[in-house]
Amino acid sequence: MALQDFSVSLLLDDSYDNRFSFLHRGILYMGLDRYEDALLDFASVLQLDKSMACAHCNMGVIHLTKTEYFDRAVKHFSEAIKSDPSYTRAYICRAQAYESMKNYKMAFVDFTKAIHMNPTNHHLWAYRGNVLLKMGKTEQAAFTVKQCALIADTGKISLQQQSLIYSFLKEHKKTVTALTQTARIKPTGQVLTLLGKAQMKAGSLHDAIRTFNLALEVMIPFHHKAKIPKETADVYLSLGMSHLEVGQAPEALVALNQAINIKPKNPEVPVYLFAFMLHYSSQLQD
């Protein structure tokens, strides 16, 4: 009904005074995946008012995400910024367009500007950190992720997001804490697997073994004829290595064999088995 109302309104008046009807109809077209129609409406807006930053930005988004004409996207985002220098969304989108063009230097500049406008938005810090990694600037990327961690400590982002930040910083105990809290709220196989791996990195191998076993209980169907998910192969591999690290060779072999049965073509399996044989042979020699 809204689309029809705007269309009727524009039939009656397609002048400057009714330019927002073009804008809102274009936004509705975007929601309906009618991007060509949306581009026409946004173009009509700009014919009536070249300073309409929102129209420029929406055209840029379509070129960035749908047509992949990144140079056009950059042009529209730049026009939006020219019309409204405080338009944070335009800086973020232009940075993403630059990143798609592999112009990481300009992407970094725009993400930095967006951060200055909204310093508590952890997503922006993460975006900038990712660009710095692509530029090969690992130390600066680590500093950026630490800023994310400071925001994480305020509780403004999810526990799972916190765990990813702490993992990047190799703060494994904090990673374990964040994922443990997440697992209490949402004990899925994926979360439990991440927790188990974090516990391995933190050196809490017995805890990791218990967590991997819990993950398998969650992931494996109760019905004996049901197909075991391939994702469990990764859990069995990690479980096997945890058993191996604490000197439980028989349990390690059982877990590694399970991993082979579930995913026989997994390229990691031979590496783990070789590690098992080395570990087991050294035990026999002792």
C-alpha atoms as a PDB file:
ATOM      1  CA  MET A   1       0.000   0.000   0.000  1.00  0.00           C
ATOM      2  CA  ALA A   2       2.834   2.420   0.846  1.00  0.00           C
ATOM      3  CA  LEU A   3       4.420   1.859  -2.572  1.00  0.00           C
ATOM      4  CA  GLN A   4       1.112   2.567  -4.279  1.00  0.00           C
ATOM      5  CA  ASP A   5       0.555   5.674  -2.167  1.00  0.00           C
ATOM      6  CA  PHE A   6       3.939   7.134  -3.123  1.00  0.00           C
ATOM      7  CA  SER A   7       3.326   6.299  -6.790  1.00  0.00           C
ATOM      8  CA  VAL A   8      -0.036   8.086  -6.763  1.00  0.00           C
ATOM      9  CA  SER A   9       1.530  11.039  -4.976  1.00  0.00           C
ATOM     10  CA  LEU A  10       4.220  11.311  -7.655  1.00  0.00           C
ATOM     11  CA  LEU A  11       1.671  11.097 -10.452  1.00  0.00           C
ATOM     12  CA  LEU A  12      -0.022  14.116  -8.937  1.00  0.00           C
ATOM     13  CA  ASP A  13       3.177  16.004  -8.136  1.00  0.00           C
ATOM     14  CA  ASP A  14       6.692  15.115  -9.298  1.00  0.00           C
ATOM     15  CA  SER A  15       8.194  18.498  -8.469  1.00  0.00           C
ATOM     16  CA  TYR A  16      10.896  19.562  -5.989  1.00  0.00           C
ATOM     17  CA  ASP A  17       8.308  19.849  -3.204  1.00  0.00           C
ATOM     18  CA  ASN A  18       7.555  16.124  -3.494  1.00  0.00           C
ATOM     19  CA  ARG A  19      11.148  14.883  -3.846  1.00  0.00           C
ATOM     20  CA  PHE A  20      10.906  12.866  -0.627  1.00  0.00           C
ATOM     21  CA  SER A  21       8.258  10.646  -2.251  1.00  0.00           C
ATOM     22  CA  PHE A  22      10.875   9.605  -4.835  1.00  0.00           C
ATOM     23  CA  LEU A  23      13.328   8.993  -2.006  1.00  0.00           C
ATOM     24  CA  HIS A  24      10.967   6.871   0.095  1.00  0.00           C
ATOM     25  CA  ARG A  25       9.709   4.916  -2.899  1.00  0.00           C
ATOM     26  CA  GLY A  26      13.304   4.189  -3.861  1.00  0.00           C
ATOM     27  CA  ILE A  27      13.976   2.861  -0.364  1.00  0.00           C
ATOM     28  CA  LEU A  28      10.880   0.649  -0.638  1.00  0.00           C
ATOM     29  CA  TYR A  29      12.117  -0.654  -4.008  1.00  0.00           C
ATOM     30  CA  MET A  30      15.430  -1.566  -2.357  1.00  0.00           C
ATOM     31  CA  GLY A  31      13.539  -3.559   0.266  1.00  0.00           C
ATOM     32  CA  LEU A  32      11.745  -5.403  -2.550  1.00  0.00           C
ATOM     33  CA  ASP A  33      15.052  -6.120  -4.378  1.00  0.00           C
ATOM     34  CA  ARG A  34      13.922  -3.913  -7.282  1.00  0.00           C
ATOM     35  CA  TYR A  35      17.264  -2.179  -7.556  1.00  0.00           C
ATOM     36  CA  GLU A  36      16.905  -0.781 -11.071  1.00  0.00           C
ATOM     37  CA  ASP A  37      13.659   0.933 -10.065  1.00  0.00           C
ATOM     38  CA  ALA A  38      15.331   2.198  -6.903  1.00  0.00           C
ATOM     39  CA  LEU A  39      18.227   3.685  -8.902  1.00  0.00           C
ATOM     40  CA  LEU A  40      15.763   5.516 -11.158  1.00  0.00           C
ATOM     41  CA  ASP A  41      13.953   7.011  -8.162  1.00  0.00           C
ATOM     42  CA  PHE A  42      17.156   8.103  -6.455  1.00  0.00           C
ATOM     43  CA  ALA A  43      18.337   9.630  -9.725  1.00  0.00           C
ATOM     44  CA  SER A  44      15.031  11.546  -9.887  1.00  0.00           C
ATOM     45  CA  VAL A  45      15.644  12.847  -6.379  1.00  0.00           C
ATOM     46  CA  LEU A  46      19.082  14.111  -7.378  1.00  0.00           C
ATOM     47  CA  GLN A  47      17.713  15.799 -10.485  1.00  0.00           C
ATOM     48  CA  LEU A  48      15.468  17.777  -8.179  1.00  0.00           C
ATOM     49  CA  ASP A  49      17.986  18.246  -5.364  1.00  0.00           C
ATOM     50  CA  LYS A  50      21.671  17.411  -5.956  1.00  0.00           C
ATOM     51  CA  SER A  51      22.475  17.935  -2.288  1.00  0.00           C
ATOM     52  CA  MET A  52      20.311  15.020  -1.056  1.00  0.00           C
ATOM     53  CA  ALA A  53      22.998  12.998   0.750  1.00  0.00           C
ATOM     54  CA  CYS A  54      20.706  10.044   1.504  1.00  0.00           C
ATOM     55  CA  ALA A  55      19.903   9.533  -2.196  1.00  0.00           C
ATOM     56  CA  HIS A  56      23.603   9.566  -3.104  1.00  0.00           C
ATOM     57  CA  CYS A  57      24.375   7.108  -0.314  1.00  0.00           C
ATOM     58  CA  ASN A  58      21.602   4.683  -1.309  1.00  0.00           C
ATOM     59  CA  MET A  59      22.742   4.732  -4.936  1.00  0.00           C
ATOM     60  CA  GLY A  60      26.252   4.034  -3.699  1.00  0.00           C
ATOM     61  CA  VAL A  61      25.057   1.089  -1.623  1.00  0.00           C
ATOM     62  CA  ILE A  62      23.360  -0.471  -4.666  1.00  0.00           C
ATOM     63  CA  HIS A  63      26.509  -0.092  -6.757  1.00  0.00           C
ATOM     64  CA  LEU A  64      28.632  -1.434  -3.890  1.00  0.00           C
ATOM     65  CA  THR A  65      26.543  -4.498  -3.055  1.00  0.00           C
ATOM     66  CA  LYS A  66      24.581  -5.316  -6.228  1.00  0.00           C
ATOM     67  CA  THR A  67      26.050  -3.979  -9.456  1.00  0.00           C
ATOM     68  CA  GLU A  68      29.629  -4.004  -8.046  1.00  0.00           C
ATOM     69  CA  TYR A  69      30.486  -0.796  -9.888  1.00  0.00           C
ATOM     70  CA  PHE A  70      32.787   0.250  -7.075  1.00  0.00           C
ATOM     71  CA  ASP A  71      34.040   3.423  -8.753  1.00  0.00           C
ATOM     72  CA  ARG A  72      30.443   4.661  -9.118  1.00  0.00           C
ATOM     73  CA  ALA A  73      29.806   3.740  -5.496  1.00  0.00           C
ATOM     74  CA  VAL A  74      32.803   5.800  -4.356  1.00  0.00           C
ATOM     75  CA  LYS A  75      31.600   8.761  -6.440  1.00  0.00           C
ATOM     76  CA  HIS A  76      28.137   8.696  -4.849  1.00  0.00           C
ATOM     77  CA  PHE A  77      29.486   8.279  -1.305  1.00  0.00           C
ATOM     78  CA  SER A  78      31.846  11.204  -1.925  1.00  0.00           C
ATOM     79  CA  GLU A  79      28.934  13.353  -3.097  1.00  0.00           C
ATOM     80  CA  ALA A  80      26.988  12.363   0.025  1.00  0.00           C
ATOM     81  CA  ILE A  81      29.921  13.420   2.218  1.00  0.00           C
ATOM     82  CA  LYS A  82      30.269  16.661   0.272  1.00  0.00           C
ATOM     83  CA  SER A  83      26.597  17.419   0.989  1.00  0.00           C
ATOM     84  CA  ASP A  84      26.810  16.323   4.619  1.00  0.00           C
ATOM     85  CA  PRO A  85      30.360  16.041   6.072  1.00  0.00           C
ATOM     86  CA  SER A  86      28.974  14.495   9.288  1.00  0.00           C
ATOM     87  CA  TYR A  87      27.268  11.591   7.465  1.00  0.00           C
ATOM     88  CA  THR A  88      29.006   8.650   9.175  1.00  0.00           C
ATOM     89  CA  ARG A  89      27.272   6.005   7.065  1.00  0.00           C
ATOM     90  CA  ALA A  90      28.737   7.486   3.871  1.00  0.00           C
ATOM     91  CA  TYR A  91      32.290   7.273   5.267  1.00  0.00           C
ATOM     92  CA  ILE A  92      31.772   3.634   6.303  1.00  0.00           C
ATOM     93  CA  CYS A  93      30.295   2.671   2.938  1.00  0.00           C
ATOM     94  CA  ARG A  94      33.019   4.501   0.996  1.00  0.00           C
ATOM     95  CA  ALA A  95      35.637   2.696   3.094  1.00  0.00           C
ATOM     96  CA  GLN A  96      34.017  -0.637   2.193  1.00  0.00           C
ATOM     97  CA  ALA A  97      34.001   0.344  -1.493  1.00  0.00           C
ATOM     98  CA  TYR A  98      37.706   1.254  -1.304  1.00  0.00           C
ATOM     99  CA  GLU A  99      38.376  -2.065   0.435  1.00  0.00           C
ATOM    100  CA  SER A 100      36.584  -3.919  -2.379  1.00  0.00           C
ATOM    101  CA  MET A 101      38.868  -2.080  -4.827  1.00  0.00           C
ATOM    102  CA  LYS A 102      41.881  -3.133  -2.699  1.00  0.00           C
ATOM    103  CA  ASN A 103      42.629   0.524  -2.010  1.00  0.00           C
ATOM    104  CA  TYR A 104      43.320  -0.236   1.642  1.00  0.00           C
ATOM    105  CA  LYS A 105      45.023   3.078   2.381  1.00  0.00           C
ATOM    106  CA  MET A 106      41.889   5.080   1.540  1.00  0.00           C
ATOM    107  CA  ALA A 107      39.684   2.503   3.314  1.00  0.00           C
ATOM    108  CA  PHE A 108      41.795   2.986   6.453  1.00  0.00           C
ATOM    109  CA  VAL A 109      41.418   6.782   6.203  1.00  0.00           C
ATOM    110  CA  ASP A 110      37.621   6.582   5.945  1.00  0.00           C
ATOM    111  CA  PHE A 111      37.224   4.049   8.751  1.00  0.00           C
ATOM    112  CA  THR A 112      39.392   6.301  10.920  1.00  0.00           C
ATOM    113  CA  LYS A 113      37.157   9.291  10.165  1.00  0.00           C
ATOM    114  CA  ALA A 114      34.075   7.215  11.026  1.00  0.00           C
ATOM    115  CA  ILE A 115      35.691   6.166  14.333  1.00  0.00           C
ATOM    116  CA  HIS A 116      36.326   9.812  15.237  1.00  0.00           C
ATOM    117  CA  MET A 117      32.600  10.434  14.761  1.00  0.00           C
ATOM    118  CA  ASN A 118      31.539   7.325  16.685  1.00  0.00           C
ATOM    119  CA  PRO A 119      34.433   6.114  18.885  1.00  0.00           C
ATOM    120  CA  THR A 120      32.400   3.577  20.887  1.00  0.00           C
ATOM    121  CA  ASN A 121      31.260   1.588  17.835  1.00  0.00           C
ATOM    122  CA  HIS A 122      33.323  -1.605  18.093  1.00  0.00           C
ATOM    123  CA  HIS A 123      32.398  -2.647  14.546  1.00  0.00           C
ATOM    124  CA  LEU A 124      34.326   0.324  13.162  1.00  0.00           C
ATOM    125  CA  TRP A 125      37.433  -0.589  15.168  1.00  0.00           C
ATOM    126  CA  ALA A 126      37.148  -4.166  13.878  1.00  0.00           C
ATOM    127  CA  TYR A 127      36.777  -2.974  10.271  1.00  0.00           C
ATOM    128  CA  ARG A 128      39.863  -0.787  10.603  1.00  0.00           C
ATOM    129  CA  GLY A 129      41.812  -3.632  12.197  1.00  0.00           C
ATOM    130  CA  ASN A 130      40.903  -5.909   9.298  1.00  0.00           C
ATOM    131  CA  VAL A 131      42.111  -3.328   6.764  1.00  0.00           C
ATOM    132  CA  LEU A 132      45.382  -2.915   8.672  1.00  0.00           C
ATOM    133  CA  LEU A 133      45.920  -6.678   8.529  1.00  0.00           C
ATOM    134  CA  LYS A 134      45.402  -6.592   4.766  1.00  0.00           C
ATOM    135  CA  MET A 135      47.985  -3.799   4.614  1.00  0.00           C
ATOM    136  CA  GLY A 136      50.406  -6.015   6.520  1.00  0.00           C
ATOM    137  CA  LYS A 137      50.493  -3.680   9.522  1.00  0.00           C
ATOM    138  CA  THR A 138      50.119  -6.318  12.232  1.00  0.00           C
ATOM    139  CA  GLU A 139      51.179  -4.176  15.196  1.00  0.00           C
ATOM    140  CA  GLN A 140      48.725  -1.403  14.325  1.00  0.00           C
ATOM    141  CA  ALA A 141      46.023  -4.008  13.777  1.00  0.00           C
ATOM    142  CA  ALA A 142      46.719  -5.437  17.237  1.00  0.00           C
ATOM    143  CA  PHE A 143      46.426  -1.951  18.767  1.00  0.00           C
ATOM    144  CA  THR A 144      43.083  -1.464  16.995  1.00  0.00           C
ATOM    145  CA  VAL A 145      41.777  -4.785  18.260  1.00  0.00           C
ATOM    146  CA  LYS A 146      42.864  -3.784  21.772  1.00  0.00           C
ATOM    147  CA  GLN A 147      40.583  -0.771  21.456  1.00  0.00           C
ATOM    148  CA  CYS A 148      37.835  -3.248  20.589  1.00  0.00           C
ATOM    149  CA  ALA A 149      38.749  -5.151  23.739  1.00  0.00           C
ATOM    150  CA  LEU A 150      38.386  -1.996  25.845  1.00  0.00           C
ATOM    151  CA  ILE A 151      34.874  -1.561  24.435  1.00  0.00           C
ATOM    152  CA  ALA A 152      34.264  -5.254  25.083  1.00  0.00           C
ATOM    153  CA  ASP A 153      35.164  -4.759  28.743  1.00  0.00           C
ATOM    154  CA  THR A 154      32.329  -2.231  29.028  1.00  0.00           C
ATOM    155  CA  GLY A 155      29.858  -4.984  28.121  1.00  0.00           C
ATOM    156  CA  LYS A 156      28.618  -3.201  24.991  1.00  0.00           C
ATOM    157  CA  ILE A 157      29.201  -6.196  22.702  1.00  0.00           C
ATOM    158  CA  SER A 158      28.185  -9.842  22.852  1.00  0.00           C
ATOM    159  CA  LEU A 159      30.222 -12.369  24.805  1.00  0.00           C
ATOM    160  CA  GLN A 160      30.989 -14.335  21.636  1.00  0.00           C
ATOM    161  CA  GLN A 161      32.322 -11.197  19.948  1.00  0.00           C
ATOM    162  CA  GLN A 162      34.405 -10.508  23.053  1.00  0.00           C
ATOM    163  CA  SER A 163      35.890 -14.008  22.822  1.00  0.00           C
ATOM    164  CA  LEU A 164      36.971 -13.435  19.201  1.00  0.00           C
ATOM    165  CA  ILE A 165      38.711 -10.200  20.181  1.00  0.00           C
ATOM    166  CA  TYR A 166      40.499 -11.792  23.139  1.00  0.00           C
ATOM    167  CA  SER A 167      41.487 -14.767  20.976  1.00  0.00           C
ATOM    168  CA  PHE A 168      43.117 -12.444  18.431  1.00  0.00           C
ATOM    169  CA  LEU A 169      45.028 -10.783  21.277  1.00  0.00           C
ATOM    170  CA  LYS A 170      46.016 -14.247  22.583  1.00  0.00           C
ATOM    171  CA  GLU A 171      44.427 -13.485  25.938  1.00  0.00           C
ATOM    172  CA  HIS A 172      43.247 -17.072  26.251  1.00  0.00           C
ATOM    173  CA  LYS A 173      41.969 -16.904  29.840  1.00  0.00           C
ATOM    174  CA  LYS A 174      39.677 -14.001  28.946  1.00  0.00           C
ATOM    175  CA  THR A 175      38.570 -15.931  25.857  1.00  0.00           C
ATOM    176  CA  VAL A 176      37.674 -18.905  28.034  1.00  0.00           C
ATOM    177  CA  THR A 177      35.756 -16.691  30.469  1.00  0.00           C
ATOM    178  CA  ALA A 178      33.719 -15.048  27.695  1.00  0.00           C
ATOM    179  CA  LEU A 179      32.927 -18.348  25.964  1.00  0.00           C
ATOM    180  CA  THR A 180      32.071 -20.063  29.262  1.00  0.00           C
ATOM    181  CA  GLN A 181      29.452 -17.387  29.917  1.00  0.00           C
ATOM    182  CA  THR A 182      28.191 -17.743  26.343  1.00  0.00           C
ATOM    183  CA  ALA A 183      27.929 -21.533  26.718  1.00  0.00           C
ATOM    184  CA  ARG A 184      25.802 -21.132  29.852  1.00  0.00           C
ATOM    185  CA  ILE A 185      23.330 -19.039  27.867  1.00  0.00           C
ATOM    186  CA  LYS A 186      23.630 -20.814  24.528  1.00  0.00           C
ATOM    187  CA  PRO A 187      25.247 -24.280  24.870  1.00  0.00           C
ATOM    188  CA  THR A 188      25.411 -25.075  21.156  1.00  0.00           C
ATOM    189  CA  GLY A 189      27.913 -27.430  19.567  1.00  0.00           C
ATOM    190  CA  GLN A 190      29.680 -24.515  17.875  1.00  0.00           C
ATOM    191  CA  VAL A 191      30.075 -22.493  21.076  1.00  0.00           C
ATOM    192  CA  LEU A 192      31.237 -25.533  23.059  1.00  0.00           C
ATOM    193  CA  THR A 193      33.768 -26.397  20.355  1.00  0.00           C
ATOM    194  CA  LEU A 194      35.159 -22.855  20.437  1.00  0.00           C
ATOM    195  CA  LEU A 195      35.317 -23.033  24.221  1.00  0.00           C
ATOM    196  CA  GLY A 196      37.176 -26.352  24.112  1.00  0.00           C
ATOM    197  CA  LYS A 197      39.754 -24.967  21.683  1.00  0.00           C
ATOM    198  CA  ALA A 198      40.201 -21.874  23.849  1.00  0.00           C
ATOM    199  CA  GLN A 199      40.736 -24.108  26.887  1.00  0.00           C
ATOM    200  CA  MET A 200      43.386 -26.029  24.930  1.00  0.00           C
ATOM    201  CA  LYS A 201      45.223 -22.774  24.157  1.00  0.00           C
ATOM    202  CA  ALA A 202      44.949 -21.747  27.800  1.00  0.00           C
ATOM    203  CA  GLY A 203      46.511 -25.059  28.850  1.00  0.00           C
ATOM    204  CA  SER A 204      43.340 -26.343  30.570  1.00  0.00           C
ATOM    205  CA  LEU A 205      43.407 -29.669  28.741  1.00  0.00           C
ATOM    206  CA  HIS A 206      41.227 -31.686  31.124  1.00  0.00           C
ATOM    207  CA  ASP A 207      38.572 -28.960  30.939  1.00  0.00           C
ATOM    208  CA  ALA A 208      38.898 -29.040  27.146  1.00  0.00           C
ATOM    209  CA  ILE A 209      38.284 -32.803  27.105  1.00  0.00           C
ATOM    210  CA  ARG A 210      35.100 -32.388  29.154  1.00  0.00           C
ATOM    211  CA  THR A 211      33.929 -29.539  26.911  1.00  0.00           C
ATOM    212  CA  PHE A 212      34.561 -31.449  23.664  1.00  0.00           C
ATOM    213  CA  ASN A 213      32.605 -34.413  25.049  1.00  0.00           C
ATOM    214  CA  LEU A 214      29.719 -32.052  25.889  1.00  0.00           C
ATOM    215  CA  ALA A 215      29.886 -30.634  22.370  1.00  0.00           C
ATOM    216  CA  LEU A 216      29.626 -34.145  20.914  1.00  0.00           C
ATOM    217  CA  GLU A 217      26.626 -34.912  23.124  1.00  0.00           C
ATOM    218  CA  VAL A 218      24.909 -31.817  21.744  1.00  0.00           C
ATOM    219  CA  MET A 219      25.888 -32.403  18.110  1.00  0.00           C
ATOM    220  CA  ILE A 220      25.327 -36.161  17.707  1.00  0.00           C
ATOM    221  CA  PRO A 221      21.665 -37.144  17.150  1.00  0.00           C
ATOM    222  CA  PHE A 222      20.014 -39.407  19.722  1.00  0.00           C
ATOM    223  CA  HIS A 223      18.699 -41.834  17.093  1.00  0.00           C
ATOM    224  CA  HIS A 224      21.348 -44.457  16.325  1.00  0.00           C
ATOM    225  CA  LYS A 225      20.432 -44.547  12.618  1.00  0.00           C
ATOM    226  CA  ALA A 226      20.732 -40.783  12.189  1.00  0.00           C
ATOM    227  CA  LYS A 227      23.714 -39.497  10.230  1.00  0.00           C
ATOM    228  CA  ILE A 228      26.500 -38.030  12.359  1.00  0.00           C
ATOM    229  CA  PRO A 229      27.251 -34.423  11.295  1.00  0.00           C
ATOM    230  CA  LYS A 230      30.601 -33.934   9.535  1.00  0.00           C
ATOM    231  CA  GLU A 231      31.321 -31.006  11.859  1.00  0.00           C
ATOM    232  CA  THR A 232      31.947 -33.509  14.655  1.00  0.00           C
ATOM    233  CA  ALA A 233      35.141 -34.649  12.885  1.00  0.00           C
ATOM    234  CA  ASP A 234      36.824 -31.409  13.933  1.00  0.00           C
ATOM    235  CA  VAL A 235      35.667 -31.934  17.525  1.00  0.00           C
ATOM    236  CA  TYR A 236      37.029 -35.491  17.563  1.00  0.00           C
ATOM    237  CA  LEU A 237      40.372 -34.249  16.209  1.00  0.00           C
ATOM    238  CA  SER A 238      40.649 -31.642  18.957  1.00  0.00           C
ATOM    239  CA  LEU A 239      39.512 -34.190  21.541  1.00  0.00           C
ATOM    240  CA  GLY A 240      42.139 -36.651  20.313  1.00  0.00           C
ATOM    241  CA  MET A 241      44.927 -34.095  20.577  1.00  0.00           C
ATOM    242  CA  SER A 242      43.792 -33.079  24.057  1.00  0.00           C
ATOM    243  CA  HIS A 243      43.913 -36.711  25.202  1.00  0.00           C
ATOM    244  CA  LEU A 244      47.342 -37.032  23.604  1.00  0.00           C
ATOM    245  CA  GLU A 245      48.661 -33.943  25.397  1.00  0.00           C
ATOM    246  CA  VAL A 246      47.651 -35.333  28.807  1.00  0.00           C
ATOM    247  CA  GLY A 247      49.180 -38.735  28.008  1.00  0.00           C
ATOM    248  CA  GLN A 248      45.948 -40.650  27.361  1.00  0.00           C
ATOM    249  CA  ALA A 249      47.055 -42.457  24.201  1.00  0.00           C
ATOM    250  CA  PRO A 250      44.255 -45.077  23.967  1.00  0.00           C
ATOM    251  CA  GLU A 251      41.532 -42.411  24.282  1.00  0.00           C
ATOM    252  CA  ALA A 252      43.377 -40.253  21.731  1.00  0.00           C
ATOM    253  CA  LEU A 253      43.439 -43.112  19.214  1.00  0.00           C
ATOM    254  CA  VAL A 254      39.708 -43.738  19.649  1.00  0.00           C
ATOM    255  CA  ALA A 255      38.906 -40.077  19.028  1.00  0.00           C
ATOM    256  CA  LEU A 256      41.218 -39.826  15.994  1.00  0.00           C
ATOM    257  CA  ASN A 257      39.720 -42.982  14.484  1.00  0.00           C
ATOM    258  CA  GLN A 258      36.252 -41.480  14.919  1.00  0.00           C
ATOM    259  CA  ALA A 259      37.427 -38.375  13.065  1.00  0.00           C
ATOM    260  CA  ILE A 260      38.683 -40.564  10.199  1.00  0.00           C
ATOM    261  CA  ASN A 261      35.412 -42.513  10.035  1.00  0.00           C
ATOM    262  CA  ILE A 262      33.342 -39.318   9.838  1.00  0.00           C
ATOM    263  CA  LYS A 263      35.590 -37.403   7.424  1.00  0.00           C
ATOM    264  CA  PRO A 264      38.173 -39.749   5.867  1.00  0.00           C
ATOM    265  CA  LYS A 265      39.467 -37.145   3.380  1.00  0.00           C
ATOM    266  CA  ASN A 266      40.237 -34.543   6.024  1.00  0.00           C
ATOM    267  CA  PRO A 267      43.826 -33.399   5.227  1.00  0.00           C
ATOM    268  CA  GLU A 268      44.505 -32.692   8.915  1.00  0.00           C
ATOM    269  CA  VAL A 269      44.018 -36.319   9.988  1.00  0.00           C
ATOM    270  CA  PRO A 270      47.410 -37.669   8.791  1.00  0.00           C
ATOM    271  CA  VAL A 271      49.161 -34.848  10.656  1.00  0.00           C
ATOM    272  CA  TYR A 272      47.368 -35.707  13.883  1.00  0.00           C
ATOM    273  CA  LEU A 273      48.003 -39.423  13.449  1.00  0.00           C
ATOM    274  CA  PHE A 274      51.695 -38.751  12.847  1.00  0.00           C
ATOM    275  CA  ALA A 275      51.757 -36.685  16.040  1.00  0.00           C
ATOM    276  CA  PHE A 276      50.059 -39.572  17.828  1.00  0.00           C
ATOM    277  CA  MET A 277      52.611 -42.112  16.562  1.00  0.00           C
ATOM    278  CA  LEU A 278      55.511 -39.869  17.590  1.00  0.00           C
ATOM    279  CA  HIS A 279      54.020 -39.364  21.033  1.00  0.00           C
ATOM    280  CA  TYR A 280      53.169 -43.050  21.474  1.00  0.00           C
ATOM    281  CA  SER A 281      56.576 -44.279  20.284  1.00  0.00           C
ATOM    282  CA  SER A 282      58.314 -41.903  22.716  1.00  0.00           C
ATOM    283  CA  GLN A 283      56.158 -43.323  25.541  1.00  0.00           C
ATOM    284  CA  LEU A 284      57.216 -46.901  24.588  1.00  0.00           C
ATOM    285  CA  GLN A 285      60.873 -45.877  24.563  1.00  0.00           C
ATOM    286  CA  ASP A 286      60.519 -44.406  28.040  1.00  0.00           C
END
